[in-house]
Amino acid sequence: MIVDFIFDVASPNTYFAHKLIPDFEKRTGASFRYIPCLLGGIHKLTNNQPPFIAYANCKNKSDYQMIEIERFVKQHKLTKYKFNSHFPPVTIQVQRGAIAAQKLNVFDEYFECVISAMWENDKNISDINVLKEVLEQNNFDVASIIDIAVSQDCKDELIKNTDNAVSRGAFGAPTFFYENQIFFGKDHMYQLEEYINSNK
């Protein structure tokens, strides 16, 4: 049972979903396949807008989103979470780096490093120099990651991943695909779990 996880570290909800996945896998026996995409590209292709833009003029909606996040953090005891002061980030290099890390078989470590830098340690990973510094501090072979990340093949793969996600129905992140079903957002992971359990 493989669930495709469409992600971009730019989204705090990607962080939240990622934190729920280990227990989810234990409960269901499913495995998640992380697919790096570019959230800005998904939004552009689907004429969608991120919430901080879409609801910028709806004060109550914006306020409620913050309340909902606070409740989620408390519910799941995500005490390390911290909203990034450099939000919104530009994560194209980070996402290309994720593809590079997959090719180098260090993806799990890479993802933990960058998602923590973004949503726990308030790092400006949009800045390539900051990104390199974070990776160096965590003992990655930065030169090898960057060499792949700046290659045309890697750039093309990120575009392909993004296009494929949209063609399957994605309009934001995180998005999950299982069999022929789509589930959007951390708040609907319970529906994904119910679907998996009912179709075993």
N, C-alpha and C. Protein backbone atom coordinates (compact mmCIF):
# COMPACT_ATOMS: atom_id res chain seq x y z
N MET A 1 0.85 -1.19 0.00
CA MET A 1 0.00 0.00 0.00
C MET A 1 0.88 1.24 0.00
N ILE A 2 0.94 1.89 -1.14
CA ILE A 2 1.79 3.06 -1.30
C ILE A 2 0.92 4.30 -1.48
N VAL A 3 1.17 5.30 -0.66
CA VAL A 3 0.49 6.59 -0.77
C VAL A 3 1.48 7.60 -1.33
N ASP A 4 1.13 8.25 -2.42
CA ASP A 4 1.97 9.32 -2.95
C ASP A 4 1.69 10.61 -2.18
N PHE A 5 2.75 11.21 -1.69
CA PHE A 5 2.67 12.41 -0.86
C PHE A 5 3.27 13.56 -1.66
N ILE A 6 2.41 14.41 -2.20
CA ILE A 6 2.83 15.59 -2.95
C ILE A 6 3.17 16.67 -1.94
N PHE A 7 4.42 17.13 -1.97
CA PHE A 7 4.84 18.06 -0.93
C PHE A 7 5.71 19.19 -1.46
N ASP A 8 5.71 20.25 -0.70
CA ASP A 8 6.66 21.36 -0.84
C ASP A 8 6.90 21.87 0.57
N VAL A 9 8.17 21.97 0.97
CA VAL A 9 8.47 22.40 2.33
C VAL A 9 8.02 23.83 2.60
N ALA A 10 7.61 24.56 1.56
CA ALA A 10 7.08 25.91 1.74
C ALA A 10 5.80 25.92 2.57
N SER A 11 5.09 24.79 2.58
CA SER A 11 3.80 24.72 3.25
C SER A 11 3.94 24.23 4.68
N PRO A 12 3.44 24.98 5.66
CA PRO A 12 3.46 24.48 7.03
C PRO A 12 2.64 23.21 7.18
N ASN A 13 1.62 23.05 6.33
CA ASN A 13 0.79 21.86 6.41
C ASN A 13 1.54 20.62 5.91
N THR A 14 2.55 20.82 5.08
CA THR A 14 3.44 19.70 4.72
C THR A 14 4.17 19.22 5.97
N TYR A 15 4.66 20.17 6.75
CA TYR A 15 5.33 19.83 8.01
C TYR A 15 4.39 19.07 8.93
N PHE A 16 3.17 19.58 9.10
CA PHE A 16 2.21 18.93 10.00
C PHE A 16 1.88 17.52 9.53
N ALA A 17 1.64 17.37 8.23
CA ALA A 17 1.31 16.04 7.70
C ALA A 17 2.47 15.07 7.90
N HIS A 18 3.67 15.55 7.63
CA HIS A 18 4.86 14.71 7.80
C HIS A 18 4.97 14.19 9.23
N LYS A 19 4.63 15.02 10.19
CA LYS A 19 4.74 14.61 11.59
C LYS A 19 3.70 13.54 11.96
N LEU A 20 2.60 13.47 11.21
CA LEU A 20 1.58 12.47 11.49
C LEU A 20 1.85 11.14 10.79
N ILE A 21 2.69 11.16 9.78
CA ILE A 21 2.87 9.99 8.93
C ILE A 21 3.43 8.77 9.66
N PRO A 22 4.44 8.89 10.53
CA PRO A 22 4.96 7.66 11.18
C PRO A 22 3.88 6.85 11.91
N ASP A 23 3.04 7.51 12.70
CA ASP A 23 1.98 6.79 13.40
C ASP A 23 0.92 6.28 12.43
N PHE A 24 0.67 7.04 11.38
CA PHE A 24 -0.28 6.63 10.34
C PHE A 24 0.19 5.32 9.71
N GLU A 25 1.48 5.25 9.38
CA GLU A 25 2.03 4.05 8.77
C GLU A 25 1.92 2.85 9.71
N LYS A 26 2.17 3.08 10.99
CA LYS A 26 2.06 1.99 11.96
C LYS A 26 0.64 1.46 12.07
N ARG A 27 -0.32 2.37 12.02
CA ARG A 27 -1.72 1.97 12.18
C ARG A 27 -2.25 1.23 10.95
N THR A 28 -1.80 1.64 9.78
CA THR A 28 -2.41 1.13 8.54
C THR A 28 -1.54 0.13 7.78
N GLY A 29 -0.23 0.16 8.00
CA GLY A 29 0.67 -0.66 7.21
C GLY A 29 1.01 -0.04 5.87
N ALA A 30 0.51 1.15 5.61
CA ALA A 30 0.80 1.84 4.36
C ALA A 30 2.18 2.49 4.43
N SER A 31 2.73 2.78 3.25
CA SER A 31 3.99 3.52 3.15
C SER A 31 3.76 4.75 2.29
N PHE A 32 4.47 5.82 2.62
CA PHE A 32 4.32 7.07 1.89
C PHE A 32 5.52 7.28 0.97
N ARG A 33 5.22 7.62 -0.28
CA ARG A 33 6.24 7.95 -1.26
C ARG A 33 6.24 9.48 -1.43
N TYR A 34 7.32 10.10 -0.99
CA TYR A 34 7.41 11.55 -1.02
C TYR A 34 7.79 12.02 -2.44
N ILE A 35 6.96 12.90 -2.99
CA ILE A 35 7.18 13.39 -4.35
C ILE A 35 7.37 14.90 -4.31
N PRO A 36 8.61 15.38 -4.51
CA PRO A 36 8.86 16.82 -4.49
C PRO A 36 8.17 17.52 -5.66
N CYS A 37 7.43 18.56 -5.36
CA CYS A 37 6.77 19.38 -6.37
C CYS A 37 6.98 20.84 -6.00
N LEU A 38 6.59 21.72 -6.89
CA LEU A 38 6.71 23.15 -6.61
C LEU A 38 5.31 23.71 -6.38
N LEU A 39 5.05 24.10 -5.14
CA LEU A 39 3.71 24.55 -4.77
C LEU A 39 3.29 25.76 -5.60
N GLY A 40 4.21 26.68 -5.83
CA GLY A 40 3.88 27.84 -6.66
C GLY A 40 3.46 27.43 -8.06
N GLY A 41 4.10 26.40 -8.59
CA GLY A 41 3.75 25.89 -9.91
C GLY A 41 2.37 25.26 -9.91
N ILE A 42 2.05 24.51 -8.87
CA ILE A 42 0.72 23.92 -8.76
C ILE A 42 -0.34 25.01 -8.71
N HIS A 43 -0.09 26.03 -7.90
CA HIS A 43 -1.04 27.13 -7.80
C HIS A 43 -1.24 27.82 -9.14
N LYS A 44 -0.15 28.05 -9.85
CA LYS A 44 -0.24 28.74 -11.13
C LYS A 44 -1.01 27.92 -12.15
N LEU A 45 -0.72 26.62 -12.19
CA LEU A 45 -1.37 25.76 -13.18
C LEU A 45 -2.85 25.56 -12.90
N THR A 46 -3.27 25.71 -11.64
CA THR A 46 -4.67 25.49 -11.28
C THR A 46 -5.41 26.78 -10.97
N ASN A 47 -4.73 27.91 -11.14
CA ASN A 47 -5.34 29.22 -10.85
C ASN A 47 -5.78 29.30 -9.39
N ASN A 48 -4.97 28.68 -8.53
CA ASN A 48 -5.23 28.70 -7.09
C ASN A 48 -4.37 29.79 -6.45
N GLN A 49 -4.71 30.13 -5.23
CA GLN A 49 -3.91 31.09 -4.47
C GLN A 49 -3.65 30.55 -3.08
N PRO A 50 -2.46 30.82 -2.53
CA PRO A 50 -2.20 30.39 -1.16
C PRO A 50 -3.13 31.13 -0.21
N PRO A 51 -3.46 30.52 0.92
CA PRO A 51 -4.42 31.12 1.85
C PRO A 51 -4.07 32.53 2.29
N PHE A 52 -2.76 32.81 2.49
CA PHE A 52 -2.40 34.14 2.99
C PHE A 52 -2.69 35.23 1.97
N ILE A 53 -2.86 34.84 0.70
CA ILE A 53 -3.27 35.79 -0.34
C ILE A 53 -4.79 35.73 -0.54
N ALA A 54 -5.30 34.51 -0.65
CA ALA A 54 -6.73 34.32 -0.94
C ALA A 54 -7.62 34.96 0.12
N TYR A 55 -7.17 34.87 1.39
CA TYR A 55 -8.00 35.37 2.48
C TYR A 55 -7.43 36.62 3.14
N ALA A 56 -6.56 37.30 2.41
CA ALA A 56 -5.89 38.48 2.97
C ALA A 56 -6.88 39.54 3.43
N ASN A 57 -8.00 39.66 2.73
CA ASN A 57 -8.98 40.70 3.05
C ASN A 57 -10.14 40.18 3.89
N CYS A 58 -10.00 38.93 4.35
CA CYS A 58 -11.05 38.35 5.21
C CYS A 58 -10.43 38.11 6.57
N LYS A 59 -10.49 39.13 7.41
CA LYS A 59 -9.80 39.08 8.69
C LYS A 59 -10.21 37.88 9.55
N ASN A 60 -11.48 37.63 9.63
CA ASN A 60 -11.93 36.54 10.49
C ASN A 60 -11.42 35.18 10.00
N LYS A 61 -11.38 35.00 8.68
CA LYS A 61 -10.86 33.76 8.12
C LYS A 61 -9.38 33.61 8.44
N SER A 62 -8.61 34.67 8.26
CA SER A 62 -7.18 34.63 8.56
C SER A 62 -6.93 34.37 10.04
N ASP A 63 -7.71 35.03 10.88
CA ASP A 63 -7.58 34.81 12.32
C ASP A 63 -7.91 33.37 12.69
N TYR A 64 -8.96 32.83 12.06
CA TYR A 64 -9.35 31.46 12.37
C TYR A 64 -8.27 30.47 11.97
N GLN A 65 -7.62 30.71 10.85
CA GLN A 65 -6.56 29.80 10.42
C GLN A 65 -5.47 29.68 11.48
N MET A 66 -5.14 30.80 12.11
CA MET A 66 -4.12 30.77 13.16
C MET A 66 -4.62 30.00 14.38
N ILE A 67 -5.90 30.15 14.71
CA ILE A 67 -6.48 29.40 15.82
C ILE A 67 -6.44 27.91 15.52
N GLU A 68 -6.80 27.56 14.28
CA GLU A 68 -6.82 26.15 13.88
C GLU A 68 -5.43 25.54 13.98
N ILE A 69 -4.41 26.28 13.56
CA ILE A 69 -3.04 25.79 13.65
C ILE A 69 -2.63 25.59 15.10
N GLU A 70 -2.97 26.54 15.95
CA GLU A 70 -2.65 26.42 17.37
C GLU A 70 -3.29 25.18 17.98
N ARG A 71 -4.53 24.90 17.59
CA ARG A 71 -5.22 23.72 18.10
C ARG A 71 -4.54 22.44 17.61
N PHE A 72 -4.17 22.42 16.35
CA PHE A 72 -3.53 21.25 15.76
C PHE A 72 -2.19 20.98 16.43
N VAL A 73 -1.42 22.03 16.61
CA VAL A 73 -0.11 21.90 17.26
C VAL A 73 -0.27 21.34 18.67
N LYS A 74 -1.25 21.85 19.40
CA LYS A 74 -1.50 21.38 20.77
C LYS A 74 -1.99 19.94 20.78
N GLN A 75 -2.91 19.63 19.87
CA GLN A 75 -3.48 18.28 19.82
C GLN A 75 -2.42 17.22 19.60
N HIS A 76 -1.47 17.52 18.70
CA HIS A 76 -0.47 16.53 18.32
C HIS A 76 0.89 16.76 19.00
N LYS A 77 0.88 17.69 19.96
CA LYS A 77 2.08 17.96 20.77
C LYS A 77 3.31 18.27 19.91
N LEU A 78 3.10 19.12 18.93
CA LEU A 78 4.19 19.51 18.03
C LEU A 78 4.89 20.75 18.60
N THR A 79 5.54 20.55 19.70
CA THR A 79 6.08 21.65 20.49
C THR A 79 7.25 22.37 19.82
N LYS A 80 7.87 21.74 18.84
CA LYS A 80 9.00 22.36 18.16
C LYS A 80 8.57 23.30 17.04
N TYR A 81 7.31 23.25 16.66
CA TYR A 81 6.84 24.06 15.54
C TYR A 81 6.97 25.55 15.83
N LYS A 82 7.45 26.26 14.83
CA LYS A 82 7.54 27.71 14.92
C LYS A 82 7.29 28.30 13.53
N PHE A 83 6.35 29.22 13.45
CA PHE A 83 6.08 29.84 12.16
C PHE A 83 7.31 30.58 11.68
N ASN A 84 7.67 30.36 10.40
CA ASN A 84 8.91 30.92 9.87
C ASN A 84 8.77 32.42 9.59
N SER A 85 9.69 33.19 10.14
CA SER A 85 9.63 34.64 9.99
C SER A 85 9.99 35.09 8.58
N HIS A 86 10.49 34.17 7.75
CA HIS A 86 10.85 34.50 6.37
C HIS A 86 9.77 34.05 5.38
N PHE A 87 8.61 33.71 5.91
CA PHE A 87 7.49 33.25 5.08
C PHE A 87 6.92 34.42 4.27
N PRO A 88 6.53 34.20 2.99
CA PRO A 88 6.59 32.94 2.26
C PRO A 88 7.97 32.71 1.63
N PRO A 89 8.43 31.48 1.64
CA PRO A 89 9.75 31.19 1.09
C PRO A 89 9.68 30.90 -0.41
N VAL A 90 10.85 30.93 -1.03
CA VAL A 90 11.01 30.46 -2.41
C VAL A 90 11.81 29.17 -2.32
N THR A 91 11.15 28.05 -2.58
CA THR A 91 11.76 26.76 -2.25
C THR A 91 12.21 25.95 -3.46
N ILE A 92 12.35 26.59 -4.61
CA ILE A 92 12.70 25.83 -5.81
C ILE A 92 14.03 25.10 -5.64
N GLN A 93 15.02 25.74 -5.01
CA GLN A 93 16.31 25.08 -4.81
C GLN A 93 16.20 23.96 -3.77
N VAL A 94 15.38 24.18 -2.77
CA VAL A 94 15.18 23.16 -1.74
C VAL A 94 14.51 21.93 -2.34
N GLN A 95 13.51 22.15 -3.19
CA GLN A 95 12.79 21.05 -3.81
C GLN A 95 13.66 20.31 -4.82
N ARG A 96 14.46 21.05 -5.58
CA ARG A 96 15.41 20.37 -6.46
C ARG A 96 16.42 19.58 -5.64
N GLY A 97 16.80 20.14 -4.50
CA GLY A 97 17.70 19.42 -3.60
C GLY A 97 17.09 18.13 -3.10
N ALA A 98 15.78 18.13 -2.91
CA ALA A 98 15.08 16.92 -2.46
C ALA A 98 15.18 15.83 -3.52
N ILE A 99 15.05 16.22 -4.78
CA ILE A 99 15.20 15.24 -5.86
C ILE A 99 16.63 14.72 -5.89
N ALA A 100 17.58 15.62 -5.72
CA ALA A 100 18.99 15.21 -5.67
C ALA A 100 19.22 14.23 -4.52
N ALA A 101 18.65 14.53 -3.37
CA ALA A 101 18.82 13.66 -2.21
C ALA A 101 18.22 12.27 -2.45
N GLN A 102 17.10 12.23 -3.18
CA GLN A 102 16.53 10.93 -3.52
C GLN A 102 17.50 10.12 -4.37
N LYS A 103 18.12 10.78 -5.33
CA LYS A 103 19.06 10.09 -6.21
C LYS A 103 20.31 9.64 -5.44
N LEU A 104 20.66 10.36 -4.39
CA LEU A 104 21.84 10.03 -3.60
C LEU A 104 21.51 9.12 -2.40
N ASN A 105 20.24 8.72 -2.31
CA ASN A 105 19.78 7.83 -1.24
C ASN A 105 19.94 8.43 0.16
N VAL A 106 19.76 9.74 0.24
CA VAL A 106 19.81 10.40 1.55
C VAL A 106 18.56 11.26 1.76
N PHE A 107 17.47 10.88 1.09
CA PHE A 107 16.30 11.74 1.12
C PHE A 107 15.72 11.91 2.51
N ASP A 108 15.56 10.82 3.24
CA ASP A 108 14.93 10.92 4.56
C ASP A 108 15.67 11.90 5.46
N GLU A 109 16.99 11.80 5.45
CA GLU A 109 17.81 12.69 6.26
C GLU A 109 17.72 14.13 5.76
N TYR A 110 17.74 14.29 4.44
CA TYR A 110 17.65 15.62 3.83
C TYR A 110 16.32 16.28 4.19
N PHE A 111 15.24 15.52 4.04
CA PHE A 111 13.93 16.09 4.30
C PHE A 111 13.80 16.53 5.75
N GLU A 112 14.24 15.69 6.67
CA GLU A 112 14.17 16.05 8.08
C GLU A 112 14.97 17.32 8.34
N CYS A 113 16.09 17.43 7.67
CA CYS A 113 16.96 18.59 7.86
C CYS A 113 16.28 19.88 7.40
N VAL A 114 15.75 19.88 6.18
CA VAL A 114 15.20 21.12 5.62
C VAL A 114 13.84 21.46 6.21
N ILE A 115 13.02 20.44 6.51
CA ILE A 115 11.71 20.74 7.08
C ILE A 115 11.86 21.28 8.49
N SER A 116 12.87 20.78 9.22
CA SER A 116 13.13 21.31 10.56
C SER A 116 13.70 22.72 10.50
N ALA A 117 14.59 22.94 9.52
CA ALA A 117 15.16 24.27 9.36
C ALA A 117 14.06 25.29 9.07
N MET A 118 13.08 24.89 8.28
CA MET A 118 12.02 25.80 7.87
C MET A 118 11.00 26.02 8.97
N TRP A 119 10.54 24.93 9.62
CA TRP A 119 9.37 25.04 10.50
C TRP A 119 9.67 24.80 11.98
N GLU A 120 10.95 24.72 12.32
CA GLU A 120 11.32 24.64 13.73
C GLU A 120 12.41 25.64 14.09
N ASN A 121 13.35 25.84 13.15
CA ASN A 121 14.55 26.63 13.46
C ASN A 121 14.60 28.00 12.79
N ASP A 122 13.50 28.37 12.10
CA ASP A 122 13.37 29.72 11.55
C ASP A 122 14.51 30.10 10.61
N LYS A 123 14.94 29.17 9.78
CA LYS A 123 16.01 29.44 8.83
C LYS A 123 15.45 29.96 7.51
N ASN A 124 16.16 30.88 6.90
CA ASN A 124 15.76 31.43 5.61
C ASN A 124 16.34 30.55 4.50
N ILE A 125 15.76 29.37 4.32
CA ILE A 125 16.33 28.43 3.36
C ILE A 125 16.05 28.81 1.91
N SER A 126 15.33 29.91 1.69
CA SER A 126 15.24 30.45 0.34
C SER A 126 16.60 30.94 -0.14
N ASP A 127 17.43 31.34 0.80
CA ASP A 127 18.78 31.81 0.52
C ASP A 127 19.68 30.59 0.34
N ILE A 128 20.23 30.43 -0.86
CA ILE A 128 21.03 29.24 -1.16
C ILE A 128 22.22 29.11 -0.23
N ASN A 129 22.77 30.21 0.22
CA ASN A 129 23.90 30.15 1.14
C ASN A 129 23.48 29.63 2.51
N VAL A 130 22.28 30.03 2.95
CA VAL A 130 21.75 29.51 4.21
C VAL A 130 21.46 28.02 4.07
N LEU A 131 20.86 27.64 2.94
CA LEU A 131 20.57 26.23 2.70
C LEU A 131 21.84 25.39 2.74
N LYS A 132 22.87 25.86 2.06
CA LYS A 132 24.15 25.13 2.06
C LYS A 132 24.72 25.02 3.47
N GLU A 133 24.61 26.11 4.22
CA GLU A 133 25.14 26.11 5.59
C GLU A 133 24.40 25.09 6.45
N VAL A 134 23.08 25.06 6.33
CA VAL A 134 22.27 24.11 7.10
C VAL A 134 22.66 22.68 6.74
N LEU A 135 22.84 22.42 5.46
CA LEU A 135 23.21 21.07 5.03
C LEU A 135 24.62 20.69 5.50
N GLU A 136 25.52 21.65 5.42
CA GLU A 136 26.89 21.39 5.89
C GLU A 136 26.93 21.08 7.38
N GLN A 137 26.13 21.81 8.14
CA GLN A 137 26.08 21.59 9.59
C GLN A 137 25.53 20.22 9.94
N ASN A 138 24.80 19.63 9.00
CA ASN A 138 24.23 18.30 9.22
C ASN A 138 24.96 17.21 8.43
N ASN A 139 26.19 17.55 8.02
CA ASN A 139 27.12 16.57 7.45
C ASN A 139 26.69 15.97 6.12
N PHE A 140 25.98 16.75 5.30
CA PHE A 140 25.65 16.30 3.96
C PHE A 140 26.78 16.60 2.99
N ASP A 141 26.85 15.83 1.93
CA ASP A 141 27.77 16.10 0.83
C ASP A 141 27.11 17.18 -0.03
N VAL A 142 27.31 18.41 0.37
CA VAL A 142 26.60 19.53 -0.25
C VAL A 142 26.95 19.67 -1.72
N ALA A 143 28.21 19.49 -2.07
CA ALA A 143 28.63 19.63 -3.46
C ALA A 143 27.88 18.65 -4.36
N SER A 144 27.73 17.42 -3.90
CA SER A 144 27.04 16.41 -4.71
C SER A 144 25.56 16.75 -4.87
N ILE A 145 24.94 17.23 -3.78
CA ILE A 145 23.54 17.61 -3.86
C ILE A 145 23.35 18.78 -4.82
N ILE A 146 24.19 19.78 -4.70
CA ILE A 146 24.05 20.97 -5.55
C ILE A 146 24.33 20.63 -7.01
N ASP A 147 25.32 19.79 -7.25
CA ASP A 147 25.63 19.41 -8.63
C ASP A 147 24.42 18.81 -9.34
N ILE A 148 23.70 17.96 -8.63
CA ILE A 148 22.49 17.37 -9.22
C ILE A 148 21.37 18.38 -9.28
N ALA A 149 21.22 19.17 -8.23
CA ALA A 149 20.11 20.12 -8.14
C ALA A 149 20.13 21.16 -9.25
N VAL A 150 21.31 21.55 -9.70
CA VAL A 150 21.40 22.58 -10.74
C VAL A 150 21.42 21.98 -12.14
N SER A 151 21.36 20.67 -12.26
CA SER A 151 21.38 20.02 -13.57
C SER A 151 20.03 20.19 -14.26
N GLN A 152 20.04 20.18 -15.57
CA GLN A 152 18.81 20.31 -16.33
C GLN A 152 17.87 19.13 -16.08
N ASP A 153 18.44 17.95 -15.91
CA ASP A 153 17.61 16.78 -15.64
C ASP A 153 16.81 16.95 -14.36
N CYS A 154 17.45 17.49 -13.33
CA CYS A 154 16.77 17.69 -12.05
C CYS A 154 15.70 18.77 -12.19
N LYS A 155 16.01 19.84 -12.88
CA LYS A 155 15.03 20.90 -13.10
C LYS A 155 13.81 20.35 -13.84
N ASP A 156 14.08 19.53 -14.86
CA ASP A 156 13.00 18.95 -15.65
C ASP A 156 12.15 17.99 -14.82
N GLU A 157 12.80 17.26 -13.91
CA GLU A 157 12.06 16.30 -13.09
C GLU A 157 11.12 17.01 -12.12
N LEU A 158 11.57 18.14 -11.56
CA LEU A 158 10.69 18.89 -10.67
C LEU A 158 9.48 19.43 -11.43
N ILE A 159 9.71 19.91 -12.64
CA ILE A 159 8.60 20.38 -13.48
C ILE A 159 7.66 19.23 -13.81
N LYS A 160 8.23 18.08 -14.15
CA LYS A 160 7.41 16.90 -14.48
C LYS A 160 6.59 16.45 -13.28
N ASN A 161 7.21 16.41 -12.11
CA ASN A 161 6.49 16.03 -10.89
C ASN A 161 5.30 16.95 -10.65
N THR A 162 5.56 18.25 -10.83
CA THR A 162 4.52 19.25 -10.60
C THR A 162 3.38 19.11 -11.60
N ASP A 163 3.73 18.96 -12.86
CA ASP A 163 2.72 18.78 -13.91
C ASP A 163 1.90 17.51 -13.68
N ASN A 164 2.59 16.43 -13.30
CA ASN A 164 1.89 15.17 -13.06
C ASN A 164 0.92 15.28 -11.89
N ALA A 165 1.36 15.98 -10.84
CA ALA A 165 0.50 16.15 -9.67
C ALA A 165 -0.79 16.88 -10.06
N VAL A 166 -0.65 17.92 -10.86
CA VAL A 166 -1.83 18.68 -11.30
C VAL A 166 -2.71 17.83 -12.20
N SER A 167 -2.10 17.05 -13.09
CA SER A 167 -2.89 16.21 -13.99
C SER A 167 -3.67 15.15 -13.23
N ARG A 168 -3.19 14.80 -12.04
CA ARG A 168 -3.90 13.81 -11.21
C ARG A 168 -4.96 14.46 -10.32
N GLY A 169 -4.97 15.79 -10.28
CA GLY A 169 -6.01 16.49 -9.53
C GLY A 169 -5.52 17.40 -8.42
N ALA A 170 -4.21 17.48 -8.22
CA ALA A 170 -3.70 18.33 -7.14
C ALA A 170 -3.92 19.81 -7.44
N PHE A 171 -4.19 20.57 -6.38
CA PHE A 171 -4.33 22.02 -6.50
C PHE A 171 -3.58 22.74 -5.38
N GLY A 172 -2.93 21.96 -4.52
CA GLY A 172 -2.17 22.53 -3.40
C GLY A 172 -1.35 21.43 -2.75
N ALA A 173 -0.79 21.75 -1.61
CA ALA A 173 0.02 20.78 -0.87
C ALA A 173 -0.21 20.97 0.62
N PRO A 174 -0.22 19.87 1.36
CA PRO A 174 0.05 18.50 0.91
C PRO A 174 -1.17 17.85 0.26
N THR A 175 -0.89 17.03 -0.75
CA THR A 175 -1.92 16.23 -1.40
C THR A 175 -1.47 14.78 -1.36
N PHE A 176 -2.43 13.89 -1.16
CA PHE A 176 -2.15 12.46 -1.11
C PHE A 176 -2.95 11.74 -2.18
N PHE A 177 -2.29 10.81 -2.86
CA PHE A 177 -2.97 9.96 -3.83
C PHE A 177 -2.81 8.51 -3.40
N TYR A 178 -3.94 7.81 -3.34
CA TYR A 178 -3.91 6.38 -3.06
C TYR A 178 -4.90 5.70 -4.00
N GLU A 179 -4.38 4.73 -4.76
CA GLU A 179 -5.17 4.09 -5.80
C GLU A 179 -5.70 5.20 -6.73
N ASN A 180 -6.98 5.30 -6.90
CA ASN A 180 -7.52 6.34 -7.78
C ASN A 180 -8.16 7.49 -7.00
N GLN A 181 -7.77 7.60 -5.73
CA GLN A 181 -8.39 8.59 -4.85
C GLN A 181 -7.41 9.72 -4.52
N ILE A 182 -7.95 10.92 -4.33
CA ILE A 182 -7.17 12.08 -3.93
C ILE A 182 -7.67 12.58 -2.58
N PHE A 183 -6.73 12.95 -1.73
CA PHE A 183 -7.05 13.50 -0.41
C PHE A 183 -6.17 14.73 -0.21
N PHE A 184 -6.79 15.86 0.10
CA PHE A 184 -6.04 17.11 0.21
C PHE A 184 -5.94 17.57 1.66
N GLY A 185 -4.73 17.93 2.05
CA GLY A 185 -4.52 18.60 3.32
C GLY A 185 -4.39 17.68 4.51
N LYS A 186 -3.75 18.18 5.53
CA LYS A 186 -3.56 17.42 6.77
C LYS A 186 -4.88 17.06 7.42
N ASP A 187 -5.89 17.89 7.22
CA ASP A 187 -7.17 17.70 7.90
C ASP A 187 -7.98 16.53 7.34
N HIS A 188 -7.57 16.02 6.17
CA HIS A 188 -8.32 14.92 5.58
C HIS A 188 -7.52 13.62 5.55
N MET A 189 -6.46 13.58 6.34
CA MET A 189 -5.71 12.34 6.44
C MET A 189 -6.54 11.25 7.11
N TYR A 190 -7.50 11.66 7.94
CA TYR A 190 -8.37 10.67 8.57
C TYR A 190 -9.22 9.97 7.52
N GLN A 191 -9.63 10.71 6.45
CA GLN A 191 -10.40 10.09 5.38
C GLN A 191 -9.53 9.12 4.59
N LEU A 192 -8.26 9.50 4.38
CA LEU A 192 -7.33 8.60 3.72
C LEU A 192 -7.18 7.31 4.53
N GLU A 193 -7.04 7.46 5.83
CA GLU A 193 -6.88 6.28 6.69
C GLU A 193 -8.13 5.41 6.65
N GLU A 194 -9.29 6.03 6.70
CA GLU A 194 -10.53 5.26 6.61
C GLU A 194 -10.63 4.52 5.29
N TYR A 195 -10.22 5.18 4.22
CA TYR A 195 -10.31 4.55 2.89
C TYR A 195 -9.37 3.34 2.81
N ILE A 196 -8.14 3.52 3.31
CA ILE A 196 -7.17 2.42 3.28
C ILE A 196 -7.70 1.23 4.10
N ASN A 197 -8.18 1.51 5.29
CA ASN A 197 -8.65 0.44 6.17
C ASN A 197 -9.88 -0.29 5.61
N SER A 198 -10.71 0.44 4.91
CA SER A 198 -11.93 -0.17 4.36
C SER A 198 -11.69 -0.91 3.06
N ASN A 199 -10.49 -0.75 2.50
CA ASN A 199 -10.20 -1.39 1.21
C ASN A 199 -9.03 -2.38 1.30
N LYS A 200 -8.72 -2.82 2.50
CA LYS A 200 -7.67 -3.81 2.68
C LYS A 200 -8.16 -5.18 2.21
